[in-house]
Amino acid sequence: MSENRIKNILEEIEGLITEIADPRFSRLDRISVEEILKIINDEDSKVADTVKDEIT
């Protein structure tokens, strides 16, 4: 793969909203496993409602 192609791919990725750092998770390396699991669970709980909103 050419260096130019790699650069283009990286630029595309940088623009994706899914690749933007979320400040809510900036402390993951400094909090307990329990707190991390609560964050994961809270985020996971949003999925079903979001999908439901999109399909109705």
PDB file of N, CA and C in Angstrom:
ATOM      1  N   MET A   1       0.854  -1.163   0.000  1.00  0.00           N
ATOM      2  CA  MET A   1       0.000   0.000   0.000  1.00  0.00           C
ATOM      3  C   MET A   1       0.905   1.233   0.000  1.00  0.00           C
ATOM      4  N   SER A   2       0.562   2.180  -0.843  1.00  0.00           N
ATOM      5  CA  SER A   2       1.394   3.374  -0.967  1.00  0.00           C
ATOM      6  C   SER A   2       1.261   4.274   0.265  1.00  0.00           C
ATOM      7  N   GLU A   3       2.278   5.064   0.457  1.00  0.00           N
ATOM      8  CA  GLU A   3       2.274   5.998   1.587  1.00  0.00           C
ATOM      9  C   GLU A   3       1.132   7.006   1.451  1.00  0.00           C
ATOM     10  N   ASN A   4       0.846   7.419   0.228  1.00  0.00           N
ATOM     11  CA  ASN A   4      -0.247   8.363  -0.018  1.00  0.00           C
ATOM     12  C   ASN A   4      -1.592   7.743   0.344  1.00  0.00           C
ATOM     13  N   ARG A   5      -1.786   6.467  -0.001  1.00  0.00           N
ATOM     14  CA  ARG A   5      -3.041   5.776   0.318  1.00  0.00           C
ATOM     15  C   ARG A   5      -3.215   5.657   1.834  1.00  0.00           C
ATOM     16  N   ILE A   6      -2.147   5.330   2.518  1.00  0.00           N
ATOM     17  CA  ILE A   6      -2.196   5.229   3.981  1.00  0.00           C
ATOM     18  C   ILE A   6      -2.574   6.581   4.580  1.00  0.00           C
ATOM     19  N   LYS A   7      -1.972   7.652   4.066  1.00  0.00           N
ATOM     20  CA  LYS A   7      -2.287   8.997   4.550  1.00  0.00           C
ATOM     21  C   LYS A   7      -3.765   9.308   4.336  1.00  0.00           C
ATOM     22  N   ASN A   8      -4.299   8.959   3.165  1.00  0.00           N
ATOM     23  CA  ASN A   8      -5.716   9.205   2.878  1.00  0.00           C
ATOM     24  C   ASN A   8      -6.626   8.431   3.825  1.00  0.00           C
ATOM     25  N   ILE A   9      -6.284   7.193   4.103  1.00  0.00           N
ATOM     26  CA  ILE A   9      -7.086   6.370   5.015  1.00  0.00           C
ATOM     27  C   ILE A   9      -7.074   6.975   6.417  1.00  0.00           C
ATOM     28  N   LEU A  10      -5.908   7.381   6.886  1.00  0.00           N
ATOM     29  CA  LEU A  10      -5.809   7.983   8.219  1.00  0.00           C
ATOM     30  C   LEU A  10      -6.607   9.281   8.306  1.00  0.00           C
ATOM     31  N   GLU A  11      -6.602  10.067   7.244  1.00  0.00           N
ATOM     32  CA  GLU A  11      -7.396  11.300   7.230  1.00  0.00           C
ATOM     33  C   GLU A  11      -8.888  10.988   7.285  1.00  0.00           C
ATOM     34  N   GLU A  12      -9.311   9.937   6.575  1.00  0.00           N
ATOM     35  CA  GLU A  12     -10.718   9.524   6.623  1.00  0.00           C
ATOM     36  C   GLU A  12     -11.108   9.100   8.036  1.00  0.00           C
ATOM     37  N   ILE A  13     -10.263   8.312   8.670  1.00  0.00           N
ATOM     38  CA  ILE A  13     -10.539   7.811  10.016  1.00  0.00           C
ATOM     39  C   ILE A  13     -10.634   8.965  11.010  1.00  0.00           C
ATOM     40  N   GLU A  14      -9.747   9.945  10.882  1.00  0.00           N
ATOM     41  CA  GLU A  14      -9.761  11.087  11.802  1.00  0.00           C
ATOM     42  C   GLU A  14     -11.083  11.837  11.754  1.00  0.00           C
ATOM     43  N   GLY A  15     -11.763  11.799  10.620  1.00  0.00           N
ATOM     44  CA  GLY A  15     -13.015  12.517  10.476  1.00  0.00           C
ATOM     45  C   GLY A  15     -14.234  11.771  10.977  1.00  0.00           C
ATOM     46  N   LEU A  16     -14.078  10.507  11.313  1.00  0.00           N
ATOM     47  CA  LEU A  16     -15.215   9.713  11.774  1.00  0.00           C
ATOM     48  C   LEU A  16     -15.570  10.070  13.209  1.00  0.00           C
ATOM     49  N   ILE A  17     -16.847  10.262  13.450  1.00  0.00           N
ATOM     50  CA  ILE A  17     -17.292  10.609  14.807  1.00  0.00           C
ATOM     51  C   ILE A  17     -16.970   9.483  15.799  1.00  0.00           C
ATOM     52  N   THR A  18     -16.930   8.250  15.307  1.00  0.00           N
ATOM     53  CA  THR A  18     -16.632   7.123  16.194  1.00  0.00           C
ATOM     54  C   THR A  18     -15.182   7.112  16.651  1.00  0.00           C
ATOM     55  N   GLU A  19     -14.340   7.889  16.006  1.00  0.00           N
ATOM     56  CA  GLU A  19     -12.921   7.906  16.355  1.00  0.00           C
ATOM     57  C   GLU A  19     -12.528   9.140  17.151  1.00  0.00           C
ATOM     58  N   ILE A  20     -13.496   9.971  17.490  1.00  0.00           N
ATOM     59  CA  ILE A  20     -13.217  11.171  18.269  1.00  0.00           C
ATOM     60  C   ILE A  20     -13.149  10.795  19.752  1.00  0.00           C
ATOM     61  N   ALA A  21     -12.119  11.282  20.417  1.00  0.00           N
ATOM     62  CA  ALA A  21     -11.978  11.001  21.851  1.00  0.00           C
ATOM     63  C   ALA A  21     -13.124  11.641  22.621  1.00  0.00           C
ATOM     64  N   ASP A  22     -13.740  10.859  23.470  1.00  0.00           N
ATOM     65  CA  ASP A  22     -14.855  11.345  24.277  1.00  0.00           C
ATOM     66  C   ASP A  22     -14.316  11.736  25.649  1.00  0.00           C
ATOM     67  N   PRO A  23     -14.456  12.995  26.023  1.00  0.00           N
ATOM     68  CA  PRO A  23     -13.895  13.445  27.304  1.00  0.00           C
ATOM     69  C   PRO A  23     -14.463  12.721  28.521  1.00  0.00           C
ATOM     70  N   ARG A  24     -15.648  12.114  28.374  1.00  0.00           N
ATOM     71  CA  ARG A  24     -16.218  11.378  29.511  1.00  0.00           C
ATOM     72  C   ARG A  24     -15.360  10.180  29.888  1.00  0.00           C
ATOM     73  N   PHE A  25     -14.531   9.733  28.959  1.00  0.00           N
ATOM     74  CA  PHE A  25     -13.732   8.536  29.200  1.00  0.00           C
ATOM     75  C   PHE A  25     -12.239   8.836  29.330  1.00  0.00           C
ATOM     76  N   SER A  26     -11.899  10.077  29.553  1.00  0.00           N
ATOM     77  CA  SER A  26     -10.489  10.470  29.606  1.00  0.00           C
ATOM     78  C   SER A  26      -9.768   9.965  30.854  1.00  0.00           C
ATOM     79  N   ARG A  27     -10.508   9.527  31.856  1.00  0.00           N
ATOM     80  CA  ARG A  27      -9.898   9.090  33.124  1.00  0.00           C
ATOM     81  C   ARG A  27      -9.879   7.572  33.285  1.00  0.00           C
ATOM     82  N   LEU A  28     -10.162   6.823  32.247  1.00  0.00           N
ATOM     83  CA  LEU A  28     -10.269   5.369  32.390  1.00  0.00           C
ATOM     84  C   LEU A  28      -9.024   4.736  32.999  1.00  0.00           C
ATOM     85  N   ASP A  29      -7.879   5.318  32.754  1.00  0.00           N
ATOM     86  CA  ASP A  29      -6.646   4.751  33.302  1.00  0.00           C
ATOM     87  C   ASP A  29      -6.437   5.088  34.778  1.00  0.00           C
ATOM     88  N   ARG A  30      -7.339   5.897  35.348  1.00  0.00           N
ATOM     89  CA  ARG A  30      -7.173   6.313  36.740  1.00  0.00           C
ATOM     90  C   ARG A  30      -8.349   5.955  37.637  1.00  0.00           C
ATOM     91  N   ILE A  31      -9.285   5.177  37.125  1.00  0.00           N
ATOM     92  CA  ILE A  31     -10.443   4.808  37.944  1.00  0.00           C
ATOM     93  C   ILE A  31     -10.475   3.299  38.147  1.00  0.00           C
ATOM     94  N   SER A  32     -11.296   2.878  39.081  1.00  0.00           N
ATOM     95  CA  SER A  32     -11.355   1.458  39.434  1.00  0.00           C
ATOM     96  C   SER A  32     -12.070   0.644  38.354  1.00  0.00           C
ATOM     97  N   VAL A  33     -11.839  -0.646  38.399  1.00  0.00           N
ATOM     98  CA  VAL A  33     -12.513  -1.559  37.477  1.00  0.00           C
ATOM     99  C   VAL A  33     -14.023  -1.450  37.656  1.00  0.00           C
ATOM    100  N   GLU A  34     -14.474  -1.336  38.891  1.00  0.00           N
ATOM    101  CA  GLU A  34     -15.910  -1.210  39.149  1.00  0.00           C
ATOM    102  C   GLU A  34     -16.486   0.027  38.454  1.00  0.00           C
ATOM    103  N   GLU A  35     -15.781   1.141  38.543  1.00  0.00           N
ATOM    104  CA  GLU A  35     -16.253   2.362  37.886  1.00  0.00           C
ATOM    105  C   GLU A  35     -16.264   2.205  36.366  1.00  0.00           C
ATOM    106  N   ILE A  36     -15.248   1.547  35.827  1.00  0.00           N
ATOM    107  CA  ILE A  36     -15.196   1.300  34.382  1.00  0.00           C
ATOM    108  C   ILE A  36     -16.376   0.444  33.954  1.00  0.00           C
ATOM    109  N   LEU A  37     -16.668  -0.595  34.721  1.00  0.00           N
ATOM    110  CA  LEU A  37     -17.796  -1.470  34.381  1.00  0.00           C
ATOM    111  C   LEU A  37     -19.123  -0.725  34.443  1.00  0.00           C
ATOM    112  N   LYS A  38     -19.255   0.186  35.390  1.00  0.00           N
ATOM    113  CA  LYS A  38     -20.477   1.003  35.461  1.00  0.00           C
ATOM    114  C   LYS A  38     -20.608   1.886  34.222  1.00  0.00           C
ATOM    115  N   ILE A  39     -19.502   2.470  33.791  1.00  0.00           N
ATOM    116  CA  ILE A  39     -19.516   3.305  32.586  1.00  0.00           C
ATOM    117  C   ILE A  39     -19.912   2.469  31.374  1.00  0.00           C
ATOM    118  N   ILE A  40     -19.308   1.293  31.233  1.00  0.00           N
ATOM    119  CA  ILE A  40     -19.632   0.408  30.111  1.00  0.00           C
ATOM    120  C   ILE A  40     -21.103   0.034  30.149  1.00  0.00           C
ATOM    121  N   ASN A  41     -21.591  -0.339  31.319  1.00  0.00           N
ATOM    122  CA  ASN A  41     -22.989  -0.737  31.460  1.00  0.00           C
ATOM    123  C   ASN A  41     -23.930   0.421  31.126  1.00  0.00           C
ATOM    124  N   ASP A  42     -23.608   1.613  31.603  1.00  0.00           N
ATOM    125  CA  ASP A  42     -24.436   2.788  31.296  1.00  0.00           C
ATOM    126  C   ASP A  42     -24.478   3.053  29.795  1.00  0.00           C
ATOM    127  N   GLU A  43     -23.339   2.946  29.138  1.00  0.00           N
ATOM    128  CA  GLU A  43     -23.296   3.173  27.689  1.00  0.00           C
ATOM    129  C   GLU A  43     -24.054   2.076  26.945  1.00  0.00           C
ATOM    130  N   ASP A  44     -23.869   0.830  27.361  1.00  0.00           N
ATOM    131  CA  ASP A  44     -24.575  -0.286  26.717  1.00  0.00           C
ATOM    132  C   ASP A  44     -26.083  -0.148  26.851  1.00  0.00           C
ATOM    133  N   SER A  45     -26.536   0.396  27.970  1.00  0.00           N
ATOM    134  CA  SER A  45     -27.980   0.513  28.191  1.00  0.00           C
ATOM    135  C   SER A  45     -28.633   1.501  27.227  1.00  0.00           C
ATOM    136  N   LYS A  46     -27.850   2.347  26.607  1.00  0.00           N
ATOM    137  CA  LYS A  46     -28.382   3.327  25.652  1.00  0.00           C
ATOM    138  C   LYS A  46     -28.637   2.727  24.267  1.00  0.00           C
ATOM    139  N   VAL A  47     -28.041   1.590  23.983  1.00  0.00           N
ATOM    140  CA  VAL A  47     -28.094   1.020  22.639  1.00  0.00           C
ATOM    141  C   VAL A  47     -29.508   0.647  22.226  1.00  0.00           C
ATOM    142  N   ALA A  48     -30.216  -0.089  23.050  1.00  0.00           N
ATOM    143  CA  ALA A  48     -31.554  -0.565  22.673  1.00  0.00           C
ATOM    144  C   ALA A  48     -32.498   0.590  22.357  1.00  0.00           C
ATOM    145  N   ASP A  49     -32.492   1.619  23.180  1.00  0.00           N
ATOM    146  CA  ASP A  49     -33.364   2.769  22.927  1.00  0.00           C
ATOM    147  C   ASP A  49     -32.977   3.496  21.644  1.00  0.00           C
ATOM    148  N   THR A  50     -31.691   3.610  21.398  1.00  0.00           N
ATOM    149  CA  THR A  50     -31.229   4.283  20.184  1.00  0.00           C
ATOM    150  C   THR A  50     -31.650   3.508  18.946  1.00  0.00           C
ATOM    151  N   VAL A  51     -31.481   2.197  18.973  1.00  0.00           N
ATOM    152  CA  VAL A  51     -31.894   1.365  17.841  1.00  0.00           C
ATOM    153  C   VAL A  51     -33.402   1.461  17.652  1.00  0.00           C
ATOM    154  N   LYS A  52     -34.137   1.384  18.736  1.00  0.00           N
ATOM    155  CA  LYS A  52     -35.600   1.482  18.665  1.00  0.00           C
ATOM    156  C   LYS A  52     -36.022   2.795  18.014  1.00  0.00           C
ATOM    157  N   ASP A  53     -35.395   3.891  18.411  1.00  0.00           N
ATOM    158  CA  ASP A  53     -35.716   5.198  17.830  1.00  0.00           C
ATOM    159  C   ASP A  53     -35.450   5.226  16.328  1.00  0.00           C
ATOM    160  N   GLU A  54     -34.424   4.536  15.888  1.00  0.00           N
ATOM    161  CA  GLU A  54     -34.068   4.533  14.471  1.00  0.00           C
ATOM    162  C   GLU A  54     -35.009   3.679  13.628  1.00  0.00           C
ATOM    163  N   ILE A  55     -35.567   2.627  14.208  1.00  0.00           N
ATOM    164  CA  ILE A  55     -36.404   1.724  13.405  1.00  0.00           C
ATOM    165  C   ILE A  55     -37.889   2.013  13.518  1.00  0.00           C
ATOM    166  N   THR A  56     -38.273   2.955  14.363  1.00  0.00           N
ATOM    167  CA  THR A  56     -39.702   3.282  14.470  1.00  0.00           C
ATOM    168  C   THR A  56     -39.996   4.640  13.882  1.00  0.00           C
TER     169      THR A  56
END
